[in-house]
Each structure stands twice: as C-alpha cells, then as structure tokens.
Amino acid sequence: MTHVPSPMPDALDARATAAVLPWNALADEIAALLLSLRDSDAIHVPARIVMPLARDGALFCMPATDGQLAMTKLISFTPANAQTARPTIQGDIVVFDVATGERRLILDGPTVTARRTAAVSLLAARRLAPNPHGPLLIVGAGVQGSAHLQAFASGLGTREVWIASRSEKSAQQLVEQARQLGLQAHVATDLAAATRHCPLIVTCTPAQAVVLHDAPRDDAFVCAVGAFTPAMVELAPALCRDMQDRGRIVVDTQDAQHEAGDLLQAGIAVQGLPTLETVLAQDWPRPRTPVLFKSCGWGGWDLAATRLALRMARRQAAASP
C-alpha cells in the first residue's frame, strides 16, 4: 500500500509548537541564519513596530523573510498580567510561502518567543561562557526562567541550578521542574552567595528594577534578557561597567544600541559593541575573562525558529501514518 503523508496542520498550539523547536536544533538554526547574513540578500528583517498600550503594555509586530518564506509575529506584552494567571505575552506567528503567498502555518507566539530567546542565550553561552558547565543561577522564575532552565540543561548539560525570585512560590515551582529534569536544584535565598558560587547567571525578570548587583567571578557569564527598552533595567550600572572593565560585553544585535536599557542607563556606548554575529563570523576563541551578553530580541530569531518549525512540521506530517 502506498504511504500517503498526513496533511500538515494549519496551526500548532503551545505544546505542538514546542515540539517542533528542539533546543539544540534551534540554537544551530539561529547560528546558521547569522552566518548567512553577510552572503544573502534574501534575508530581510525590518525594524519591529512597537505600539505603546495602556498600563505600560505594548503591541509588537515583527516581520521577516528569507526569500522563500515570510513571517510576522504579532504579540501583546502586558506586564500587569504578571500579577494574575494570564500570560504577559500573547499572540501568534503566521508563516507564508513567498512564491505563492499561501499561509503555511500558525505558531504559538509566546512559545516561540520563550524558546528562541533561550536558544539565543544557549548559543551565546556555548561560544562565550568561560566556564560553560555551571552551576547556573537563574534570576526570575517565570516563563523565561523555565525556558532557560530547559535550554541550558539540554544544550550545555547543566546539572546544578539555583533559582532566585521575588516570589518564593514561583522559585520553588521552578526548583521542582529542575528536579524533574534530573538536576540538583535549590532556591537562592542569598543572592550574593549564589553569584559567588555560579559562573553562569541568567536574568529574566519583568525588568522593572535592578535585580543583580554583582558578578564577582572571573569566569562569570551573565546573560541579561529581561530589559528590552531604554526604560527597563535588571543589572546595576556598576555591574555593567565592571564587566566592561574586567571582560567583554556582547549584544545580540545592533538594535541593542537603542533598546538595551541596562547598558544605556549605565552610560555605556552600545554602538560598536560586538554582536553575536561578529562572534560567530570571526570564530572567537572562548573568553577567559567575564562576559556580559545583553539580549534585547530581534525578528531574525523568530525567522530562524519559523524555518526550523516548518521543516520539523513537514517531517512529522510525512512520518505520520
């Protein structure tokens, strides 16, 4: 009997979206897109449109294309939802075929956002962390905290994690998730002690106030993802300047020059700082001094995730009975 592939679904929910974005493959796809930027005229990522909403919310529209597919992410960001059961990020990514204009797939926007953000951090840690084996300190126990926990456990082999959060309940929930993954996990009640113990640090909070004042280790890798506007901040200005003096600061893209609140509020000239693309294109050796990686987000990360998701969804449909 001839095998007839099952039709690919038109839309994927959060669970199905996560299934087509495995951590290591997603980090590799992001790296591949970055390495192709200088040789490809087809990749086009316009500046994202941000429309302010009430109560410090915003509506984001982020289009991109690689010449074969075109996508746009449309999501709302509602920080006030952090105090409720509703997610702070909601929306979708819609994928189109460039040649025909047909819609190919709809992905869950918050899931793509969480996974591509953590995968960018994973890629940066792979290349820039002086001591990539941990332990890991995560400051912020929300969606991004969970995503980074999974990404670092899967992609770096992290075995020990410490969780710091304003909410003891949220911290304990993430500790339990880590233990279910087979990790040694603890609530960090003394943040200063945790920074002395952990060479890997990720801050992924709502970025309404400074949450990290120090990263004293000479092999520290600090990945800051929570602040993505000039008014947002997670890192103390003194910490940013100290990392610049003792080691290196790398930003995800040049868009950080007008989005990286942590660095801008520290008075650091963001323009001219090396980007993740530079690190990959120049094949940097692993640093031996502290590194601060500042991530603000970019539509190209969503484009990379979309390309992988489309291939994976087609593969799954072809393998289905």
C-alpha atoms as a PDB file:
ATOM      1  CA  MET A   1       0.000   0.000   0.000  1.00  0.00           C
ATOM      2  CA  THR A   2       1.325   3.436  -0.917  1.00  0.00           C
ATOM      3  CA  HIS A   3       2.008   5.636   2.094  1.00  0.00           C
ATOM      4  CA  VAL A   4       0.106   8.914   1.898  1.00  0.00           C
ATOM      5  CA  PRO A   5       1.550  11.524   4.269  1.00  0.00           C
ATOM      6  CA  SER A   6      -0.870  13.142   6.677  1.00  0.00           C
ATOM      7  CA  PRO A   7      -1.617  16.773   5.854  1.00  0.00           C
ATOM      8  CA  MET A   8       0.380  19.272   7.861  1.00  0.00           C
ATOM      9  CA  PRO A   9      -1.777  21.078  10.443  1.00  0.00           C
ATOM     10  CA  ASP A  10      -2.653  24.709   9.762  1.00  0.00           C
ATOM     11  CA  ALA A  11      -1.946  25.814  13.321  1.00  0.00           C
ATOM     12  CA  LEU A  12       0.100  24.477  16.223  1.00  0.00           C
ATOM     13  CA  ASP A  13      -0.801  25.056  19.871  1.00  0.00           C
ATOM     14  CA  ALA A  14       1.806  25.764  22.539  1.00  0.00           C
ATOM     15  CA  ARG A  15       2.734  22.118  23.110  1.00  0.00           C
ATOM     16  CA  ALA A  16       2.971  21.318  19.400  1.00  0.00           C
ATOM     17  CA  THR A  17       4.981  24.494  18.746  1.00  0.00           C
ATOM     18  CA  ALA A  18       7.500  23.493  21.417  1.00  0.00           C
ATOM     19  CA  ALA A  19       7.790  20.024  19.872  1.00  0.00           C
ATOM     20  CA  VAL A  20       9.000  21.446  16.523  1.00  0.00           C
ATOM     21  CA  LEU A  21      11.603  23.675  18.217  1.00  0.00           C
ATOM     22  CA  PRO A  22      14.064  21.346  19.998  1.00  0.00           C
ATOM     23  CA  TRP A  23      16.710  23.292  21.886  1.00  0.00           C
ATOM     24  CA  ASN A  24      19.943  22.251  20.206  1.00  0.00           C
ATOM     25  CA  ALA A  25      18.481  22.302  16.704  1.00  0.00           C
ATOM     26  CA  LEU A  26      17.029  25.767  17.351  1.00  0.00           C
ATOM     27  CA  ALA A  27      20.356  27.149  18.574  1.00  0.00           C
ATOM     28  CA  ASP A  28      22.028  25.667  15.478  1.00  0.00           C
ATOM     29  CA  GLU A  29      19.392  27.222  13.205  1.00  0.00           C
ATOM     30  CA  ILE A  30      19.952  30.631  14.773  1.00  0.00           C
ATOM     31  CA  ALA A  31      23.703  30.253  14.246  1.00  0.00           C
ATOM     32  CA  ALA A  32      23.165  29.238  10.622  1.00  0.00           C
ATOM     33  CA  LEU A  33      20.991  32.279   9.957  1.00  0.00           C
ATOM     34  CA  LEU A  34      23.571  34.615  11.491  1.00  0.00           C
ATOM     35  CA  LEU A  35      26.386  33.099   9.439  1.00  0.00           C
ATOM     36  CA  SER A  36      24.375  33.523   6.239  1.00  0.00           C
ATOM     37  CA  LEU A  37      23.538  37.187   6.749  1.00  0.00           C
ATOM     38  CA  ARG A  38      26.626  38.609   5.022  1.00  0.00           C
ATOM     39  CA  ASP A  39      26.227  36.412   1.944  1.00  0.00           C
ATOM     40  CA  SER A  40      22.466  36.573   1.490  1.00  0.00           C
ATOM     41  CA  ASP A  41      20.438  39.452   0.117  1.00  0.00           C
ATOM     42  CA  ALA A  42      17.227  37.481   0.605  1.00  0.00           C
ATOM     43  CA  ILE A  43      17.134  37.754   4.392  1.00  0.00           C
ATOM     44  CA  HIS A  44      15.297  40.905   5.376  1.00  0.00           C
ATOM     45  CA  VAL A  45      14.306  41.784   8.932  1.00  0.00           C
ATOM     46  CA  PRO A  46      12.679  45.235   9.169  1.00  0.00           C
ATOM     47  CA  ALA A  47      12.701  47.106  12.444  1.00  0.00           C
ATOM     48  CA  ARG A  48       9.929  45.901  14.674  1.00  0.00           C
ATOM     49  CA  ILE A  49       6.899  48.090  15.198  1.00  0.00           C
ATOM     50  CA  VAL A  50       6.090  48.767  18.832  1.00  0.00           C
ATOM     51  CA  MET A  51       2.816  50.466  19.684  1.00  0.00           C
ATOM     52  CA  PRO A  52       2.502  51.527  23.358  1.00  0.00           C
ATOM     53  CA  LEU A  53      -0.636  50.425  25.165  1.00  0.00           C
ATOM     54  CA  ALA A  54      -2.197  51.333  28.490  1.00  0.00           C
ATOM     55  CA  ARG A  55      -0.585  50.239  31.791  1.00  0.00           C
ATOM     56  CA  ASP A  56       2.909  50.011  30.260  1.00  0.00           C
ATOM     57  CA  GLY A  57       1.785  47.403  27.751  1.00  0.00           C
ATOM     58  CA  ALA A  58       2.773  47.230  24.097  1.00  0.00           C
ATOM     59  CA  LEU A  59       1.760  45.628  20.822  1.00  0.00           C
ATOM     60  CA  PHE A  60       4.680  44.234  18.782  1.00  0.00           C
ATOM     61  CA  CYS A  61       4.691  43.492  15.055  1.00  0.00           C
ATOM     62  CA  MET A  62       7.858  41.760  13.806  1.00  0.00           C
ATOM     63  CA  PRO A  63       8.028  40.706  10.112  1.00  0.00           C
ATOM     64  CA  ALA A  64      10.907  38.901   8.380  1.00  0.00           C
ATOM     65  CA  THR A  65      11.694  36.879   5.259  1.00  0.00           C
ATOM     66  CA  ASP A  66      14.480  34.688   3.888  1.00  0.00           C
ATOM     67  CA  GLY A  67      13.198  34.866   0.300  1.00  0.00           C
ATOM     68  CA  GLN A  68      11.352  31.571   0.499  1.00  0.00           C
ATOM     69  CA  LEU A  69       9.094  32.100   3.466  1.00  0.00           C
ATOM     70  CA  ALA A  70       7.752  35.255   5.042  1.00  0.00           C
ATOM     71  CA  MET A  71       6.521  35.533   8.589  1.00  0.00           C
ATOM     72  CA  THR A  72       5.207  38.048  11.020  1.00  0.00           C
ATOM     73  CA  LYS A  73       4.909  37.842  14.767  1.00  0.00           C
ATOM     74  CA  LEU A  74       2.079  39.781  16.332  1.00  0.00           C
ATOM     75  CA  ILE A  75       2.129  39.727  20.117  1.00  0.00           C
ATOM     76  CA  SER A  76       0.934  41.796  23.036  1.00  0.00           C
ATOM     77  CA  PHE A  77       3.080  42.467  26.091  1.00  0.00           C
ATOM     78  CA  THR A  78       1.083  43.169  29.260  1.00  0.00           C
ATOM     79  CA  PRO A  79       3.362  43.401  32.320  1.00  0.00           C
ATOM     80  CA  ALA A  80       0.377  43.850  34.653  1.00  0.00           C
ATOM     81  CA  ASN A  81      -0.574  40.242  33.892  1.00  0.00           C
ATOM     82  CA  ALA A  82       2.417  39.084  35.940  1.00  0.00           C
ATOM     83  CA  GLN A  83       0.205  39.541  38.992  1.00  0.00           C
ATOM     84  CA  THR A  84      -2.548  37.356  37.523  1.00  0.00           C
ATOM     85  CA  ALA A  85      -2.982  33.927  35.961  1.00  0.00           C
ATOM     86  CA  ARG A  86      -2.853  35.470  32.480  1.00  0.00           C
ATOM     87  CA  PRO A  87       0.423  35.344  30.497  1.00  0.00           C
ATOM     88  CA  THR A  88       2.319  38.589  29.971  1.00  0.00           C
ATOM     89  CA  ILE A  89       2.965  37.730  26.296  1.00  0.00           C
ATOM     90  CA  GLN A  90       0.148  36.584  23.974  1.00  0.00           C
ATOM     91  CA  GLY A  91      -0.154  36.274  20.207  1.00  0.00           C
ATOM     92  CA  ASP A  92       0.806  34.275  17.122  1.00  0.00           C
ATOM     93  CA  ILE A  93       3.337  33.891  14.330  1.00  0.00           C
ATOM     94  CA  VAL A  94       1.899  33.485  10.836  1.00  0.00           C
ATOM     95  CA  VAL A  95       4.061  31.901   8.124  1.00  0.00           C
ATOM     96  CA  PHE A  96       3.562  32.434   4.363  1.00  0.00           C
ATOM     97  CA  ASP A  97       5.066  30.902   1.229  1.00  0.00           C
ATOM     98  CA  VAL A  98       6.755  33.716  -0.700  1.00  0.00           C
ATOM     99  CA  ALA A  99       6.249  32.161  -4.148  1.00  0.00           C
ATOM    100  CA  THR A 100       2.514  31.540  -3.795  1.00  0.00           C
ATOM    101  CA  GLY A 101       1.508  33.853  -0.970  1.00  0.00           C
ATOM    102  CA  GLU A 102      -0.233  30.939   0.738  1.00  0.00           C
ATOM    103  CA  ARG A 103      -0.333  30.727   4.508  1.00  0.00           C
ATOM    104  CA  ARG A 104       1.639  27.672   5.574  1.00  0.00           C
ATOM    105  CA  LEU A 105       1.497  27.611   9.347  1.00  0.00           C
ATOM    106  CA  ILE A 106       0.457  29.430  12.504  1.00  0.00           C
ATOM    107  CA  LEU A 107       2.701  29.037  15.551  1.00  0.00           C
ATOM    108  CA  ASP A 108       2.031  29.929  19.164  1.00  0.00           C
ATOM    109  CA  GLY A 109       3.720  33.305  19.668  1.00  0.00           C
ATOM    110  CA  PRO A 110       4.627  33.092  23.372  1.00  0.00           C
ATOM    111  CA  THR A 111       6.133  29.639  22.913  1.00  0.00           C
ATOM    112  CA  VAL A 112       8.303  30.769  20.007  1.00  0.00           C
ATOM    113  CA  THR A 113       9.334  33.891  21.940  1.00  0.00           C
ATOM    114  CA  ALA A 114      10.347  31.900  25.011  1.00  0.00           C
ATOM    115  CA  ARG A 115      12.208  29.208  23.112  1.00  0.00           C
ATOM    116  CA  ARG A 116      14.055  31.389  20.610  1.00  0.00           C
ATOM    117  CA  THR A 117      15.119  33.785  23.378  1.00  0.00           C
ATOM    118  CA  ALA A 118      16.509  30.948  25.487  1.00  0.00           C
ATOM    119  CA  ALA A 119      18.091  29.347  22.410  1.00  0.00           C
ATOM    120  CA  VAL A 120      19.936  32.609  21.643  1.00  0.00           C
ATOM    121  CA  SER A 121      21.205  32.597  25.232  1.00  0.00           C
ATOM    122  CA  LEU A 122      22.240  28.968  24.818  1.00  0.00           C
ATOM    123  CA  LEU A 123      24.132  29.780  21.630  1.00  0.00           C
ATOM    124  CA  ALA A 124      25.869  32.708  23.342  1.00  0.00           C
ATOM    125  CA  ALA A 125      26.802  30.556  26.331  1.00  0.00           C
ATOM    126  CA  ARG A 126      28.177  27.852  24.048  1.00  0.00           C
ATOM    127  CA  ARG A 127      30.571  30.348  22.492  1.00  0.00           C
ATOM    128  CA  LEU A 128      31.188  32.942  25.198  1.00  0.00           C
ATOM    129  CA  ALA A 129      30.878  31.372  28.652  1.00  0.00           C
ATOM    130  CA  PRO A 130      34.372  30.987  30.160  1.00  0.00           C
ATOM    131  CA  ASN A 131      33.022  28.104  32.260  1.00  0.00           C
ATOM    132  CA  PRO A 132      30.004  26.690  30.399  1.00  0.00           C
ATOM    133  CA  HIS A 133      29.436  23.768  32.766  1.00  0.00           C
ATOM    134  CA  GLY A 134      27.872  25.756  35.579  1.00  0.00           C
ATOM    135  CA  PRO A 135      26.410  25.817  38.167  1.00  0.00           C
ATOM    136  CA  LEU A 136      23.677  28.099  36.835  1.00  0.00           C
ATOM    137  CA  LEU A 137      21.872  30.902  38.654  1.00  0.00           C
ATOM    138  CA  ILE A 138      18.526  31.982  37.197  1.00  0.00           C
ATOM    139  CA  VAL A 139      17.077  35.261  38.476  1.00  0.00           C
ATOM    140  CA  GLY A 140      13.375  35.250  37.632  1.00  0.00           C
ATOM    141  CA  ALA A 141      11.143  32.200  37.832  1.00  0.00           C
ATOM    142  CA  GLY A 142       8.602  32.931  35.108  1.00  0.00           C
ATOM    143  CA  VAL A 143       8.261  31.648  31.551  1.00  0.00           C
ATOM    144  CA  GLN A 144      11.751  32.743  30.530  1.00  0.00           C
ATOM    145  CA  GLY A 145      13.243  31.259  33.676  1.00  0.00           C
ATOM    146  CA  SER A 146      11.699  27.922  32.773  1.00  0.00           C
ATOM    147  CA  ALA A 147      12.811  28.170  29.138  1.00  0.00           C
ATOM    148  CA  HIS A 148      16.411  28.964  30.098  1.00  0.00           C
ATOM    149  CA  LEU A 149      16.444  26.132  32.605  1.00  0.00           C
ATOM    150  CA  GLN A 150      15.411  23.680  29.888  1.00  0.00           C
ATOM    151  CA  ALA A 151      17.733  25.153  27.246  1.00  0.00           C
ATOM    152  CA  PHE A 152      20.849  25.104  29.438  1.00  0.00           C
ATOM    153  CA  ALA A 153      20.096  21.634  30.795  1.00  0.00           C
ATOM    154  CA  SER A 154      19.616  20.269  27.271  1.00  0.00           C
ATOM    155  CA  GLY A 155      22.262  22.255  25.409  1.00  0.00           C
ATOM    156  CA  LEU A 156      25.037  22.746  27.985  1.00  0.00           C
ATOM    157  CA  GLY A 157      24.478  19.727  30.170  1.00  0.00           C
ATOM    158  CA  THR A 158      23.882  21.938  33.228  1.00  0.00           C
ATOM    159  CA  ARG A 159      23.414  19.729  36.290  1.00  0.00           C
ATOM    160  CA  GLU A 160      23.141  22.243  39.153  1.00  0.00           C
ATOM    161  CA  VAL A 161      20.836  25.262  39.238  1.00  0.00           C
ATOM    162  CA  TRP A 162      19.932  27.936  41.763  1.00  0.00           C
ATOM    163  CA  ILE A 163      16.691  29.925  41.430  1.00  0.00           C
ATOM    164  CA  ALA A 164      16.144  33.460  42.741  1.00  0.00           C
ATOM    165  CA  SER A 165      12.737  35.121  42.576  1.00  0.00           C
ATOM    166  CA  ARG A 166      10.676  37.706  44.396  1.00  0.00           C
ATOM    167  CA  SER A 167       8.021  35.007  44.643  1.00  0.00           C
ATOM    168  CA  GLU A 168       9.045  32.119  46.900  1.00  0.00           C
ATOM    169  CA  LYS A 169       6.252  30.030  45.397  1.00  0.00           C
ATOM    170  CA  SER A 170       7.455  30.614  41.827  1.00  0.00           C
ATOM    171  CA  ALA A 171      11.051  29.857  42.800  1.00  0.00           C
ATOM    172  CA  GLN A 172      10.036  26.586  44.428  1.00  0.00           C
ATOM    173  CA  GLN A 173       7.954  25.600  41.399  1.00  0.00           C
ATOM    174  CA  LEU A 174      10.940  26.106  39.093  1.00  0.00           C
ATOM    175  CA  VAL A 175      13.151  24.163  41.509  1.00  0.00           C
ATOM    176  CA  GLU A 176      10.689  21.272  41.289  1.00  0.00           C
ATOM    177  CA  GLN A 177      10.741  21.474  37.487  1.00  0.00           C
ATOM    178  CA  ALA A 178      14.544  21.334  37.550  1.00  0.00           C
ATOM    179  CA  ARG A 179      14.489  18.301  39.821  1.00  0.00           C
ATOM    180  CA  GLN A 180      12.090  16.558  37.450  1.00  0.00           C
ATOM    181  CA  LEU A 181      14.752  17.078  34.759  1.00  0.00           C
ATOM    182  CA  GLY A 182      17.264  15.330  36.996  1.00  0.00           C
ATOM    183  CA  LEU A 183      19.102  18.473  38.125  1.00  0.00           C
ATOM    184  CA  GLN A 184      20.317  19.433  41.579  1.00  0.00           C
ATOM    185  CA  ALA A 185      18.169  22.474  42.287  1.00  0.00           C
ATOM    186  CA  HIS A 186      17.957  24.984  45.121  1.00  0.00           C
ATOM    187  CA  VAL A 187      16.200  28.239  45.975  1.00  0.00           C
ATOM    188  CA  ALA A 188      18.788  31.041  46.205  1.00  0.00           C
ATOM    189  CA  THR A 189      17.907  32.875  49.407  1.00  0.00           C
ATOM    190  CA  ASP A 190      21.294  34.656  49.469  1.00  0.00           C
ATOM    191  CA  LEU A 191      21.794  36.164  46.022  1.00  0.00           C
ATOM    192  CA  ALA A 192      25.304  37.448  46.743  1.00  0.00           C
ATOM    193  CA  ALA A 193      26.416  33.977  47.802  1.00  0.00           C
ATOM    194  CA  ALA A 194      24.801  32.467  44.709  1.00  0.00           C
ATOM    195  CA  THR A 195      26.725  34.829  42.406  1.00  0.00           C
ATOM    196  CA  ARG A 196      29.971  33.759  44.071  1.00  0.00           C
ATOM    197  CA  HIS A 197      29.053  30.108  43.529  1.00  0.00           C
ATOM    198  CA  CYS A 198      27.645  30.195  39.973  1.00  0.00           C
ATOM    199  CA  PRO A 199      29.703  31.077  36.880  1.00  0.00           C
ATOM    200  CA  LEU A 200      26.548  31.056  34.724  1.00  0.00           C
ATOM    201  CA  ILE A 201      23.943  33.720  35.504  1.00  0.00           C
ATOM    202  CA  VAL A 202      20.737  34.458  33.595  1.00  0.00           C
ATOM    203  CA  THR A 203      18.461  37.374  34.488  1.00  0.00           C
ATOM    204  CA  CYS A 204      14.981  37.097  33.014  1.00  0.00           C
ATOM    205  CA  THR A 205      12.674  39.251  35.111  1.00  0.00           C
ATOM    206  CA  PRO A 206       9.997  41.819  34.171  1.00  0.00           C
ATOM    207  CA  ALA A 207      12.921  44.328  34.343  1.00  0.00           C
ATOM    208  CA  GLN A 208      11.166  46.928  36.447  1.00  0.00           C
ATOM    209  CA  ALA A 209      14.078  47.324  38.885  1.00  0.00           C
ATOM    210  CA  VAL A 210      17.674  46.228  39.376  1.00  0.00           C
ATOM    211  CA  VAL A 211      17.846  42.578  40.468  1.00  0.00           C
ATOM    212  CA  LEU A 212      21.561  41.836  40.049  1.00  0.00           C
ATOM    213  CA  HIS A 213      24.257  43.998  41.609  1.00  0.00           C
ATOM    214  CA  ASP A 214      27.331  41.822  41.351  1.00  0.00           C
ATOM    215  CA  ALA A 215      29.001  39.067  39.305  1.00  0.00           C
ATOM    216  CA  PRO A 216      32.292  38.643  41.110  1.00  0.00           C
ATOM    217  CA  ARG A 217      33.701  35.506  39.497  1.00  0.00           C
ATOM    218  CA  ASP A 218      36.487  35.831  36.949  1.00  0.00           C
ATOM    219  CA  ASP A 219      34.747  33.163  34.853  1.00  0.00           C
ATOM    220  CA  ALA A 220      31.294  34.786  35.073  1.00  0.00           C
ATOM    221  CA  PHE A 221      28.932  34.696  32.102  1.00  0.00           C
ATOM    222  CA  VAL A 222      25.943  36.976  32.675  1.00  0.00           C
ATOM    223  CA  CYS A 223      23.096  36.719  30.199  1.00  0.00           C
ATOM    224  CA  ALA A 224      20.537  39.515  30.633  1.00  0.00           C
ATOM    225  CA  VAL A 225      17.298  39.092  28.686  1.00  0.00           C
ATOM    226  CA  GLY A 226      14.576  40.869  30.669  1.00  0.00           C
ATOM    227  CA  ALA A 227      15.180  44.501  29.644  1.00  0.00           C
ATOM    228  CA  PHE A 228      14.412  45.317  26.007  1.00  0.00           C
ATOM    229  CA  THR A 229      13.572  49.028  26.121  1.00  0.00           C
ATOM    230  CA  PRO A 230      15.677  52.003  27.293  1.00  0.00           C
ATOM    231  CA  ALA A 231      13.469  52.387  30.388  1.00  0.00           C
ATOM    232  CA  MET A 232      13.797  48.759  31.539  1.00  0.00           C
ATOM    233  CA  VAL A 233      16.630  47.530  33.739  1.00  0.00           C
ATOM    234  CA  GLU A 234      17.786  44.360  35.532  1.00  0.00           C
ATOM    235  CA  LEU A 235      21.510  44.981  36.060  1.00  0.00           C
ATOM    236  CA  ALA A 236      23.078  47.606  38.303  1.00  0.00           C
ATOM    237  CA  PRO A 237      25.012  50.229  36.312  1.00  0.00           C
ATOM    238  CA  ALA A 238      28.128  49.465  38.371  1.00  0.00           C
ATOM    239  CA  LEU A 239      27.880  45.790  37.371  1.00  0.00           C
ATOM    240  CA  CYS A 240      27.718  46.666  33.670  1.00  0.00           C
ATOM    241  CA  ARG A 241      30.719  48.974  33.920  1.00  0.00           C
ATOM    242  CA  ASP A 242      32.642  46.381  35.938  1.00  0.00           C
ATOM    243  CA  MET A 243      32.003  43.721  33.295  1.00  0.00           C
ATOM    244  CA  GLN A 244      33.226  46.116  30.616  1.00  0.00           C
ATOM    245  CA  ASP A 245      36.394  46.875  32.603  1.00  0.00           C
ATOM    246  CA  ARG A 246      37.205  43.273  33.541  1.00  0.00           C
ATOM    247  CA  GLY A 247      35.993  41.441  30.448  1.00  0.00           C
ATOM    248  CA  ARG A 248      33.724  41.836  27.417  1.00  0.00           C
ATOM    249  CA  ILE A 249      30.194  42.972  26.666  1.00  0.00           C
ATOM    250  CA  VAL A 250      28.471  41.386  23.665  1.00  0.00           C
ATOM    251  CA  VAL A 251      24.998  42.328  22.417  1.00  0.00           C
ATOM    252  CA  ASP A 252      22.631  40.163  20.423  1.00  0.00           C
ATOM    253  CA  THR A 253      22.257  42.654  17.520  1.00  0.00           C
ATOM    254  CA  GLN A 254      22.981  46.282  16.717  1.00  0.00           C
ATOM    255  CA  ASP A 255      19.369  47.071  17.621  1.00  0.00           C
ATOM    256  CA  ALA A 256      20.613  46.968  21.220  1.00  0.00           C
ATOM    257  CA  GLN A 257      22.052  50.458  20.757  1.00  0.00           C
ATOM    258  CA  HIS A 258      18.572  51.902  21.262  1.00  0.00           C
ATOM    259  CA  GLU A 259      16.971  49.074  23.288  1.00  0.00           C
ATOM    260  CA  ALA A 260      19.479  47.832  25.899  1.00  0.00           C
ATOM    261  CA  GLY A 261      18.229  49.641  28.975  1.00  0.00           C
ATOM    262  CA  ASP A 262      20.802  48.007  31.264  1.00  0.00           C
ATOM    263  CA  LEU A 263      23.727  49.326  29.223  1.00  0.00           C
ATOM    264  CA  LEU A 264      22.211  52.683  28.290  1.00  0.00           C
ATOM    265  CA  GLN A 265      21.404  53.500  31.905  1.00  0.00           C
ATOM    266  CA  ALA A 266      24.988  52.572  32.817  1.00  0.00           C
ATOM    267  CA  GLY A 267      26.274  55.175  30.356  1.00  0.00           C
ATOM    268  CA  ILE A 268      27.921  52.558  28.145  1.00  0.00           C
ATOM    269  CA  ALA A 269      28.308  53.337  24.445  1.00  0.00           C
ATOM    270  CA  VAL A 270      26.382  50.429  22.972  1.00  0.00           C
ATOM    271  CA  GLN A 271      27.099  51.326  19.354  1.00  0.00           C
ATOM    272  CA  GLY A 272      30.206  49.487  18.311  1.00  0.00           C
ATOM    273  CA  LEU A 273      29.938  46.677  20.851  1.00  0.00           C
ATOM    274  CA  PRO A 274      30.456  43.259  19.232  1.00  0.00           C
ATOM    275  CA  THR A 275      27.340  41.306  18.307  1.00  0.00           C
ATOM    276  CA  LEU A 276      26.638  37.586  18.357  1.00  0.00           C
ATOM    277  CA  GLU A 277      27.023  37.624  14.569  1.00  0.00           C
ATOM    278  CA  THR A 278      30.542  39.010  14.995  1.00  0.00           C
ATOM    279  CA  VAL A 279      31.423  36.280  17.491  1.00  0.00           C
ATOM    280  CA  LEU A 280      30.333  33.558  15.063  1.00  0.00           C
ATOM    281  CA  ALA A 281      31.720  35.120  11.881  1.00  0.00           C
ATOM    282  CA  GLN A 282      35.134  35.740  13.451  1.00  0.00           C
ATOM    283  CA  ASP A 283      35.059  32.386  15.272  1.00  0.00           C
ATOM    284  CA  TRP A 284      36.081  33.888  18.585  1.00  0.00           C
ATOM    285  CA  PRO A 285      38.032  31.627  20.951  1.00  0.00           C
ATOM    286  CA  ARG A 286      36.322  31.002  24.269  1.00  0.00           C
ATOM    287  CA  PRO A 287      36.951  34.034  26.511  1.00  0.00           C
ATOM    288  CA  ARG A 288      38.958  33.694  29.708  1.00  0.00           C
ATOM    289  CA  THR A 289      37.552  36.831  31.319  1.00  0.00           C
ATOM    290  CA  PRO A 290      33.996  37.724  32.433  1.00  0.00           C
ATOM    291  CA  VAL A 291      31.376  38.199  29.711  1.00  0.00           C
ATOM    292  CA  LEU A 292      28.083  40.075  29.762  1.00  0.00           C
ATOM    293  CA  PHE A 293      25.715  39.079  26.970  1.00  0.00           C
ATOM    294  CA  LYS A 294      22.864  41.552  26.560  1.00  0.00           C
ATOM    295  CA  SER A 295      19.877  40.211  24.633  1.00  0.00           C
ATOM    296  CA  CYS A 296      17.060  42.517  23.504  1.00  0.00           C
ATOM    297  CA  GLY A 297      15.290  40.385  20.890  1.00  0.00           C
ATOM    298  CA  TRP A 298      15.161  40.517  17.102  1.00  0.00           C
ATOM    299  CA  GLY A 299      12.763  39.334  14.401  1.00  0.00           C
ATOM    300  CA  GLY A 300      15.589  37.273  12.903  1.00  0.00           C
ATOM    301  CA  TRP A 301      15.398  34.916  15.871  1.00  0.00           C
ATOM    302  CA  ASP A 302      11.729  34.320  15.054  1.00  0.00           C
ATOM    303  CA  LEU A 303      12.622  33.797  11.396  1.00  0.00           C
ATOM    304  CA  ALA A 304      15.143  31.113  12.359  1.00  0.00           C
ATOM    305  CA  ALA A 305      12.591  29.454  14.645  1.00  0.00           C
ATOM    306  CA  THR A 306       9.971  29.577  11.900  1.00  0.00           C
ATOM    307  CA  ARG A 307      12.281  27.927   9.359  1.00  0.00           C
ATOM    308  CA  LEU A 308      13.041  25.094  11.760  1.00  0.00           C
ATOM    309  CA  ALA A 309       9.408  24.697  12.808  1.00  0.00           C
ATOM    310  CA  LEU A 310       8.225  24.463   9.209  1.00  0.00           C
ATOM    311  CA  ARG A 311      10.789  21.773   8.359  1.00  0.00           C
ATOM    312  CA  MET A 312      10.013  19.808  11.517  1.00  0.00           C
ATOM    313  CA  ALA A 313       6.241  20.032  10.978  1.00  0.00           C
ATOM    314  CA  ARG A 314       6.608  18.778   7.401  1.00  0.00           C
ATOM    315  CA  ARG A 315       8.825  15.938   8.604  1.00  0.00           C
ATOM    316  CA  GLN A 316       6.319  14.954  11.262  1.00  0.00           C
ATOM    317  CA  ALA A 317       3.460  15.027   8.744  1.00  0.00           C
ATOM    318  CA  ALA A 318       5.441  12.857   6.303  1.00  0.00           C
ATOM    319  CA  ALA A 319       6.171  10.303   9.027  1.00  0.00           C
ATOM    320  CA  SER A 320       2.582  10.082  10.265  1.00  0.00           C
ATOM    321  CA  PRO A 321       0.573   7.003   9.191  1.00  0.00           C
END
